[in-house]
Protein backbone atom coordinates (compact mmCIF):
# COMPACT_ATOMS: atom_id res chain seq x y z
CA MET A 1 -15.58 -65.72 83.67
CA SER A 2 -18.93 -67.44 83.97
CA THR A 3 -19.43 -71.03 82.83
CA THR A 4 -21.83 -69.87 80.11
CA THR A 5 -19.31 -67.35 78.74
CA ALA A 6 -16.52 -69.94 78.90
CA SER A 7 -18.62 -72.43 76.91
CA ILE A 8 -19.48 -69.85 74.27
CA VAL A 9 -15.88 -68.71 73.92
CA LYS A 10 -14.46 -72.24 73.93
CA GLY A 11 -16.89 -73.30 71.23
CA THR A 12 -16.08 -70.41 68.90
CA ILE A 13 -12.44 -69.51 69.56
CA GLU A 14 -11.15 -71.24 66.43
CA GLY A 15 -13.52 -69.39 64.11
CA LYS A 16 -12.62 -68.77 60.50
CA PHE A 17 -9.11 -68.17 59.27
CA ASP A 18 -7.63 -67.05 55.97
CA ARG A 19 -4.48 -68.64 54.59
CA ILE A 20 -3.10 -65.85 52.48
CA THR A 21 -0.02 -65.60 50.32
CA VAL A 22 1.98 -63.10 52.29
CA LYS A 23 5.41 -63.23 53.86
CA ALA A 24 5.98 -62.81 57.59
CA GLY A 25 7.83 -59.51 58.01
CA GLU A 26 8.93 -60.57 61.50
CA ALA A 27 8.55 -63.54 63.84
CA LEU A 28 4.88 -63.77 64.87
CA VAL A 29 3.02 -65.84 67.46
CA ALA A 30 -0.57 -67.08 67.56
CA GLY A 31 -2.81 -64.25 68.76
CA ASP A 32 -0.59 -61.40 67.52
CA VAL A 33 -2.75 -58.69 65.97
CA VAL A 34 -1.42 -58.00 62.48
CA TYR A 35 -1.73 -55.82 59.40
CA VAL A 36 -0.77 -56.53 55.79
CA SER A 37 1.55 -54.22 53.86
CA THR A 38 1.23 -54.41 50.09
CA ALA A 39 4.40 -52.36 49.47
CA GLY A 40 6.45 -55.43 48.46
CA GLU A 41 6.00 -58.64 46.52
CA PRO A 42 4.78 -60.78 48.09
CA PRO A 43 2.99 -58.54 50.60
CA THR A 44 4.20 -58.79 54.20
CA VAL A 45 2.35 -59.30 57.47
CA SER A 46 3.58 -57.58 60.65
CA LYS A 47 2.37 -56.77 64.18
CA ILE A 48 0.29 -53.63 64.50
CA THR A 49 2.19 -50.96 66.41
CA ALA A 50 -0.16 -47.97 66.23
CA ALA A 51 -3.87 -47.19 66.23
CA THR A 52 -3.43 -45.89 62.68
CA ASP A 53 -2.32 -49.33 61.38
CA ILE A 54 -5.21 -51.04 59.60
CA PRO A 55 -5.66 -54.45 61.28
CA TYR A 56 -6.30 -57.54 59.18
CA GLY A 57 -6.89 -59.99 62.02
CA ALA A 58 -4.99 -62.15 64.51
CA MET A 59 -2.37 -64.80 63.81
CA TYR A 60 -3.64 -68.37 63.81
CA GLU A 61 -0.22 -69.94 64.36
CA ASP A 62 3.37 -69.13 65.25
CA VAL A 63 5.50 -68.26 62.20
CA ALA A 64 9.15 -67.44 61.63
CA LEU A 65 10.45 -64.38 59.82
CA GLY A 66 10.09 -64.85 56.06
CA LYS A 67 7.53 -67.70 56.10
CA THR A 68 4.94 -67.43 53.31
CA GLY A 69 1.34 -68.66 53.25
CA VAL A 70 0.50 -67.72 56.83
CA CYS A 71 -2.86 -68.27 58.55
CA ILE A 72 -4.65 -65.22 59.93
CA ARG A 73 -7.99 -65.37 61.79
CA ALA A 74 -10.66 -63.07 60.40
CA ASN A 75 -14.40 -62.85 61.19
CA ALA A 76 -13.97 -64.84 64.38
CA ILE A 77 -13.60 -64.64 68.13
CA VAL A 78 -9.86 -64.61 68.77
CA GLU A 79 -7.63 -64.81 71.80
CA VAL A 80 -5.21 -61.87 71.91
CA VAL A 81 -2.83 -60.35 74.42
CA ALA A 82 -3.77 -57.09 76.12
CA GLY A 83 -1.32 -54.20 76.29
CA GLY A 84 -3.00 -52.78 79.40
CA VAL A 85 -6.27 -52.61 81.31
CA ILE A 86 -9.31 -53.16 79.05
CA ALA A 87 -12.96 -53.12 80.15
CA GLN A 88 -15.31 -55.86 78.99
CA GLY A 89 -17.22 -54.54 75.97
CA ALA A 90 -14.60 -51.93 75.05
CA PHE A 91 -13.51 -51.51 71.44
CA VAL A 92 -9.83 -52.42 71.02
CA THR A 93 -7.03 -51.44 68.66
CA GLY A 94 -3.24 -51.56 68.44
CA GLY A 95 -1.14 -48.92 70.12
CA ALA A 96 2.32 -47.43 70.20
CA GLY A 97 4.68 -49.54 72.29
CA THR A 98 2.32 -52.55 72.33
CA ALA A 99 3.40 -54.38 69.16
CA GLY A 100 0.91 -57.14 68.41
CA ARG A 101 -1.13 -56.42 71.57
CA VAL A 102 -4.45 -54.64 71.95
CA ILE A 103 -5.44 -51.58 73.96
CA THR A 104 -8.71 -49.72 74.45
CA ALA A 105 -9.55 -47.67 71.36
CA ALA A 106 -9.85 -44.02 72.36
CA GLN A 107 -12.04 -41.76 70.29
CA ALA A 108 -10.11 -38.70 69.16
CA SER A 109 -11.80 -36.21 66.87
CA ALA A 110 -8.74 -35.45 64.74
CA ILE A 111 -7.23 -38.94 64.57
CA ILE A 112 -8.63 -42.02 62.85
CA HIS A 113 -8.21 -45.15 64.95
CA TYR A 114 -8.69 -48.51 63.28
CA VAL A 115 -10.65 -50.78 65.59
CA LEU A 116 -9.88 -54.50 65.65
CA GLY A 117 -13.04 -55.53 67.50
CA GLN A 118 -14.80 -55.66 70.85
CA ALA A 119 -13.42 -57.19 74.05
CA LEU A 120 -15.62 -60.03 75.30
CA LEU A 121 -13.66 -60.26 78.54
CA ALA A 122 -11.87 -57.67 80.68
CA ALA A 123 -8.08 -57.46 80.99
CA THR A 124 -6.61 -56.38 84.33
CA GLY A 125 -3.25 -55.44 82.84
CA ASP A 126 -0.49 -55.89 80.28
CA GLY A 127 -0.03 -59.51 79.21
CA ASP A 128 -3.55 -60.74 80.03
CA LYS A 129 -5.08 -62.96 77.35
CA ILE A 130 -8.62 -61.94 76.39
CA ASN A 131 -11.15 -62.87 73.74
CA VAL A 132 -12.10 -60.30 71.11
CA ALA A 133 -14.92 -60.50 68.56
CA LEU A 134 -13.30 -59.26 65.36
CA ALA A 135 -15.20 -56.36 63.81
CA ILE A 136 -12.68 -54.21 61.99
CA GLY A 137 -13.80 -50.60 61.61
CA ILE A 138 -12.98 -46.96 62.24
CA LEU A 139 -13.39 -44.86 65.39
CA GLY A 140 -12.96 -41.10 65.37
CA GLY A 141 -11.56 -38.83 62.71
CA THR A 142 -13.06 -35.71 61.22
């Protein structure tokens, strides 16, 4: 990573976060990519596990199962964990078998993939930490 990129990322990594009244549906760590389920009261926040989960953002802090009032980063540059190789500039999403991690969003004509954002750095493999500019949207679908 170049010095210029490092300075930009370091200066903006905290970004904005939302403290929302939801309950942690599982133990979560800072950087986990999450979605909010409104099926219960209060709503619960859990790791995304599929490209069809609608991402809300990335966890701001570590939380235990059942904690309420959690902080989730939204509209920010966030540090997340990659679930595989990701090219710089690729759009990322959640994927099966990569709970809370991001993978490259693949465009499929018949399937809607919810995109979390765009990778600002490349990941060489599973477990790499990368920075993503959050820009939640849809890729694919007919």
